[in-house]
N, C-alpha and C. Protein backbone atom coordinates (compact mmCIF):
# COMPACT_ATOMS: atom_id res chain seq x y z
N MET A 1 91.75 115.63 103.56
CA MET A 1 92.20 116.57 102.55
C MET A 1 92.00 115.96 101.17
N ALA A 2 91.37 116.69 100.31
CA ALA A 2 91.18 116.24 98.93
C ALA A 2 92.48 116.39 98.15
N VAL A 3 92.52 115.77 97.00
CA VAL A 3 93.66 115.93 96.12
C VAL A 3 93.73 117.40 95.71
N ALA A 4 94.89 118.02 95.89
CA ALA A 4 95.05 119.43 95.52
C ALA A 4 95.59 119.49 94.09
N LYS A 5 95.02 120.40 93.28
CA LYS A 5 95.41 120.52 91.88
C LYS A 5 95.85 121.95 91.60
N GLN A 6 97.02 122.08 90.98
CA GLN A 6 97.50 123.40 90.56
C GLN A 6 97.79 123.33 89.06
N PHE A 7 96.90 123.94 88.27
CA PHE A 7 97.05 123.93 86.82
C PHE A 7 98.07 125.00 86.42
N LEU A 8 99.03 124.61 85.58
CA LEU A 8 100.06 125.55 85.15
C LEU A 8 99.62 126.29 83.89
N LYS A 9 99.88 127.58 83.83
CA LYS A 9 99.51 128.38 82.66
C LYS A 9 100.52 128.21 81.54
N SER A 10 101.76 127.87 81.89
CA SER A 10 102.84 127.82 80.91
C SER A 10 102.88 126.51 80.11
N LYS A 11 102.26 125.45 80.60
CA LYS A 11 102.25 124.18 79.88
C LYS A 11 101.03 123.37 80.31
N PRO A 12 100.62 122.39 79.46
CA PRO A 12 99.39 121.64 79.74
C PRO A 12 99.58 120.53 80.77
N VAL A 13 100.05 120.89 81.94
CA VAL A 13 100.19 119.92 83.03
C VAL A 13 99.59 120.49 84.29
N CYS A 14 99.33 119.61 85.23
CA CYS A 14 98.77 119.99 86.52
C CYS A 14 99.65 119.38 87.61
N LYS A 15 100.00 120.19 88.60
CA LYS A 15 100.71 119.66 89.76
C LYS A 15 99.65 119.13 90.72
N VAL A 16 99.65 117.81 90.89
CA VAL A 16 98.66 117.14 91.73
C VAL A 16 99.34 116.72 93.03
N THR A 17 98.80 117.20 94.14
CA THR A 17 99.33 116.82 95.45
C THR A 17 98.44 115.74 96.04
N PHE A 18 99.00 114.54 96.15
CA PHE A 18 98.30 113.43 96.76
C PHE A 18 98.58 113.46 98.26
N ALA A 19 97.56 113.28 99.07
CA ALA A 19 97.73 113.33 100.52
C ALA A 19 96.91 112.23 101.18
N LEU A 20 97.48 111.67 102.22
CA LEU A 20 96.80 110.65 103.01
C LEU A 20 96.84 111.09 104.46
N PRO A 21 95.66 111.27 105.11
CA PRO A 21 95.65 111.75 106.49
C PRO A 21 96.23 110.72 107.46
N ALA A 22 96.69 111.22 108.60
CA ALA A 22 97.34 110.36 109.60
C ALA A 22 96.44 109.21 110.02
N GLU A 23 95.15 109.45 110.17
CA GLU A 23 94.25 108.38 110.63
C GLU A 23 94.10 107.27 109.60
N ALA A 24 94.40 107.52 108.34
CA ALA A 24 94.30 106.50 107.30
C ALA A 24 95.58 105.67 107.18
N VAL A 25 96.66 106.18 107.74
CA VAL A 25 97.97 105.52 107.58
C VAL A 25 98.11 104.28 108.46
N ASN A 26 97.40 104.26 109.58
CA ASN A 26 97.43 103.11 110.50
C ASN A 26 98.84 102.74 110.94
N GLY A 27 99.68 103.73 111.22
CA GLY A 27 101.03 103.47 111.73
C GLY A 27 102.04 103.06 110.68
N ALA A 28 101.70 103.14 109.41
CA ALA A 28 102.65 102.76 108.36
C ALA A 28 103.88 103.66 108.39
N LYS A 29 105.02 103.09 108.07
CA LYS A 29 106.29 103.84 108.05
C LYS A 29 106.54 104.45 106.68
N LYS A 30 106.11 103.77 105.60
CA LYS A 30 106.33 104.24 104.24
C LYS A 30 105.00 104.20 103.49
N VAL A 31 104.76 105.27 102.72
CA VAL A 31 103.54 105.38 101.93
C VAL A 31 103.93 105.79 100.51
N PHE A 32 103.38 105.11 99.53
CA PHE A 32 103.62 105.40 98.12
C PHE A 32 102.28 105.58 97.43
N VAL A 33 102.29 106.29 96.29
CA VAL A 33 101.11 106.35 95.45
C VAL A 33 101.45 105.60 94.16
N ALA A 34 100.59 104.64 93.83
CA ALA A 34 100.76 103.86 92.60
C ALA A 34 99.53 104.09 91.74
N GLY A 35 99.76 104.26 90.43
CA GLY A 35 98.62 104.50 89.56
C GLY A 35 98.97 104.37 88.10
N GLU A 36 98.00 104.71 87.27
CA GLU A 36 98.20 104.63 85.83
C GLU A 36 99.34 105.52 85.36
N PHE A 37 99.58 106.61 86.05
CA PHE A 37 100.62 107.57 85.66
C PHE A 37 102.04 107.07 85.93
N ASN A 38 102.20 106.00 86.72
CA ASN A 38 103.53 105.43 86.95
C ASN A 38 103.53 103.91 86.76
N ASP A 39 102.64 103.42 85.90
CA ASP A 39 102.51 101.99 85.58
C ASP A 39 102.30 101.13 86.83
N TRP A 40 101.58 101.68 87.81
CA TRP A 40 101.26 100.98 89.05
C TRP A 40 102.51 100.51 89.79
N ASP A 41 103.59 101.25 89.65
CA ASP A 41 104.83 100.93 90.36
C ASP A 41 104.65 101.29 91.83
N THR A 42 104.73 100.30 92.70
CA THR A 42 104.46 100.50 94.13
C THR A 42 105.58 101.18 94.88
N THR A 43 106.69 101.53 94.20
CA THR A 43 107.79 102.23 94.86
C THR A 43 108.25 103.46 94.09
N ALA A 44 107.54 103.84 93.05
CA ALA A 44 107.98 104.95 92.19
C ALA A 44 107.80 106.32 92.84
N GLN A 45 106.71 106.52 93.56
CA GLN A 45 106.41 107.84 94.09
C GLN A 45 106.12 107.76 95.59
N GLU A 46 107.15 108.06 96.38
CA GLU A 46 106.99 108.01 97.84
C GLU A 46 106.40 109.32 98.36
N LEU A 47 105.47 109.20 99.28
CA LEU A 47 104.91 110.36 99.95
C LEU A 47 105.77 110.65 101.17
N LYS A 48 105.94 111.93 101.47
CA LYS A 48 106.76 112.34 102.61
C LYS A 48 105.88 112.58 103.82
N LYS A 49 106.36 112.10 104.97
CA LYS A 49 105.60 112.26 106.20
C LYS A 49 105.65 113.71 106.66
N GLN A 50 104.50 114.24 107.05
CA GLN A 50 104.37 115.61 107.52
C GLN A 50 104.37 115.63 109.05
N LYS A 51 104.53 116.81 109.62
CA LYS A 51 104.58 116.94 111.08
C LYS A 51 103.31 116.46 111.76
N ASP A 52 102.16 116.59 111.07
CA ASP A 52 100.89 116.16 111.67
C ASP A 52 100.62 114.67 111.49
N GLY A 53 101.58 113.93 110.90
CA GLY A 53 101.42 112.49 110.72
C GLY A 53 100.84 112.09 109.38
N SER A 54 100.39 113.06 108.60
CA SER A 54 99.88 112.76 107.26
C SER A 54 101.06 112.57 106.31
N PHE A 55 100.76 112.12 105.10
CA PHE A 55 101.78 111.93 104.07
C PHE A 55 101.36 112.68 102.81
N LYS A 56 102.34 113.29 102.09
CA LYS A 56 102.04 114.05 100.88
C LYS A 56 103.12 113.87 99.83
N ALA A 57 102.71 113.99 98.57
CA ALA A 57 103.65 114.02 97.43
C ALA A 57 102.97 114.76 96.29
N THR A 58 103.78 115.46 95.48
CA THR A 58 103.25 116.19 94.33
C THR A 58 103.81 115.59 93.05
N VAL A 59 102.93 115.37 92.08
CA VAL A 59 103.27 114.77 90.80
C VAL A 59 102.72 115.66 89.69
N GLU A 60 103.51 115.90 88.63
CA GLU A 60 103.01 116.64 87.46
C GLU A 60 102.37 115.65 86.49
N LEU A 61 101.11 115.92 86.12
CA LEU A 61 100.38 115.04 85.21
C LEU A 61 99.78 115.85 84.07
N PRO A 62 99.74 115.28 82.85
CA PRO A 62 99.11 115.97 81.72
C PRO A 62 97.62 116.20 81.98
N VAL A 63 97.12 117.37 81.57
CA VAL A 63 95.71 117.68 81.75
C VAL A 63 94.86 117.02 80.67
N GLY A 64 93.56 116.97 80.91
CA GLY A 64 92.63 116.39 79.95
C GLY A 64 92.46 114.90 80.09
N ASN A 65 92.93 114.34 81.18
CA ASN A 65 92.85 112.89 81.41
C ASN A 65 92.30 112.59 82.79
N GLU A 66 91.97 111.33 82.99
CA GLU A 66 91.62 110.80 84.30
C GLU A 66 92.64 109.72 84.62
N TYR A 67 93.07 109.65 85.88
CA TYR A 67 94.08 108.68 86.29
C TYR A 67 93.60 107.90 87.50
N GLN A 68 93.65 106.58 87.40
CA GLN A 68 93.34 105.72 88.53
C GLN A 68 94.59 105.60 89.40
N TYR A 69 94.38 105.52 90.72
CA TYR A 69 95.51 105.38 91.64
C TYR A 69 95.04 104.82 92.98
N ARG A 70 96.00 104.37 93.77
CA ARG A 70 95.76 103.94 95.16
C ARG A 70 97.04 104.18 95.94
N PHE A 71 96.91 104.26 97.25
CA PHE A 71 98.06 104.38 98.12
C PHE A 71 98.52 103.00 98.55
N VAL A 72 99.84 102.83 98.72
CA VAL A 72 100.41 101.56 99.16
C VAL A 72 101.13 101.82 100.49
N LEU A 73 100.67 101.17 101.55
CA LEU A 73 101.23 101.36 102.88
C LEU A 73 102.19 100.22 103.21
N ASP A 74 103.42 100.58 103.52
CA ASP A 74 104.46 99.61 103.89
C ASP A 74 104.59 98.45 102.90
N GLY A 75 104.33 98.73 101.64
CA GLY A 75 104.56 97.76 100.58
C GLY A 75 103.53 96.67 100.42
N ASN A 76 102.51 96.61 101.31
CA ASN A 76 101.58 95.49 101.18
C ASN A 76 100.10 95.82 101.40
N THR A 77 99.77 96.98 101.93
CA THR A 77 98.37 97.34 102.16
C THR A 77 97.97 98.44 101.19
N TRP A 78 96.90 98.18 100.43
CA TRP A 78 96.41 99.15 99.45
C TRP A 78 95.25 99.91 100.07
N GLU A 79 95.28 101.24 99.93
CA GLU A 79 94.27 102.11 100.53
C GLU A 79 93.78 103.11 99.48
N ASN A 80 92.48 103.34 99.45
CA ASN A 80 91.93 104.35 98.55
C ASN A 80 92.04 105.73 99.16
N ASP A 81 91.98 106.73 98.31
CA ASP A 81 91.92 108.12 98.74
C ASP A 81 90.49 108.37 99.21
N TRP A 82 90.31 108.81 100.43
CA TRP A 82 88.98 109.02 100.99
C TRP A 82 88.22 110.13 100.29
N GLU A 83 88.93 111.02 99.59
CA GLU A 83 88.27 112.15 98.95
C GLU A 83 88.66 112.27 97.47
N ALA A 84 88.74 111.14 96.80
CA ALA A 84 89.07 111.15 95.36
C ALA A 84 87.93 111.79 94.57
N ASP A 85 88.24 112.19 93.34
CA ASP A 85 87.21 112.78 92.48
C ASP A 85 86.10 111.78 92.19
N LYS A 86 86.47 110.52 92.02
CA LYS A 86 85.50 109.44 91.83
C LYS A 86 86.20 108.11 92.02
N TYR A 87 85.45 107.03 91.92
CA TYR A 87 85.98 105.67 92.10
C TYR A 87 85.50 104.79 90.95
N VAL A 88 86.35 103.85 90.53
CA VAL A 88 85.97 102.90 89.49
C VAL A 88 86.39 101.50 89.93
N ALA A 89 85.71 100.49 89.41
CA ALA A 89 86.04 99.11 89.74
C ALA A 89 87.46 98.80 89.28
N SER A 90 88.23 98.16 90.14
CA SER A 90 89.63 97.85 89.81
C SER A 90 89.75 96.54 89.04
N GLY A 91 88.72 95.70 89.12
CA GLY A 91 88.80 94.39 88.48
C GLY A 91 89.51 93.36 89.34
N VAL A 92 89.89 93.76 90.56
CA VAL A 92 90.56 92.85 91.49
C VAL A 92 89.67 92.67 92.70
N SER A 93 89.14 91.50 92.88
CA SER A 93 88.34 91.08 94.04
C SER A 93 87.30 92.13 94.48
N GLY A 94 86.64 92.74 93.53
CA GLY A 94 85.56 93.66 93.85
C GLY A 94 85.98 94.99 94.45
N GLU A 95 87.25 95.30 94.46
CA GLU A 95 87.73 96.56 95.02
C GLU A 95 87.62 97.68 94.00
N GLU A 96 87.75 98.92 94.48
CA GLU A 96 87.71 100.08 93.61
C GLU A 96 89.02 100.83 93.66
N ASN A 97 89.31 101.57 92.60
CA ASN A 97 90.46 102.46 92.55
C ASN A 97 89.97 103.89 92.69
N SER A 98 90.80 104.74 93.28
CA SER A 98 90.52 106.17 93.31
C SER A 98 90.84 106.75 91.93
N VAL A 99 90.18 107.86 91.59
CA VAL A 99 90.42 108.51 90.30
C VAL A 99 90.58 110.01 90.52
N VAL A 100 91.60 110.58 89.87
CA VAL A 100 91.76 112.04 89.84
C VAL A 100 91.44 112.48 88.42
N VAL A 101 90.60 113.51 88.30
CA VAL A 101 90.15 114.02 87.00
C VAL A 101 90.83 115.37 86.77
N LEU A 102 91.54 115.48 85.64
CA LEU A 102 92.24 116.74 85.34
C LEU A 102 91.67 117.37 84.07
């Protein structure tokens, strides 16, 4: 599932639903999204487990920007979004960050 975007007509924000499929979770109990929008806080935005085993969370973000992010599994494993809008170098050991474009 790609990042779902719902642009609001009443204000310049977008409700972005971040989702991680069950097969990407690898049995993790807790999943968070960390990114530029929350100062890369690994516990700020927890995704809720769905009945199908996937995890989801919705965040309101200002439009007209791009935001780098990654998922954090059980506090220590970083995972990219398999269907992000694009990817950029993270500057850490040759890894990339996912990017959502609004």
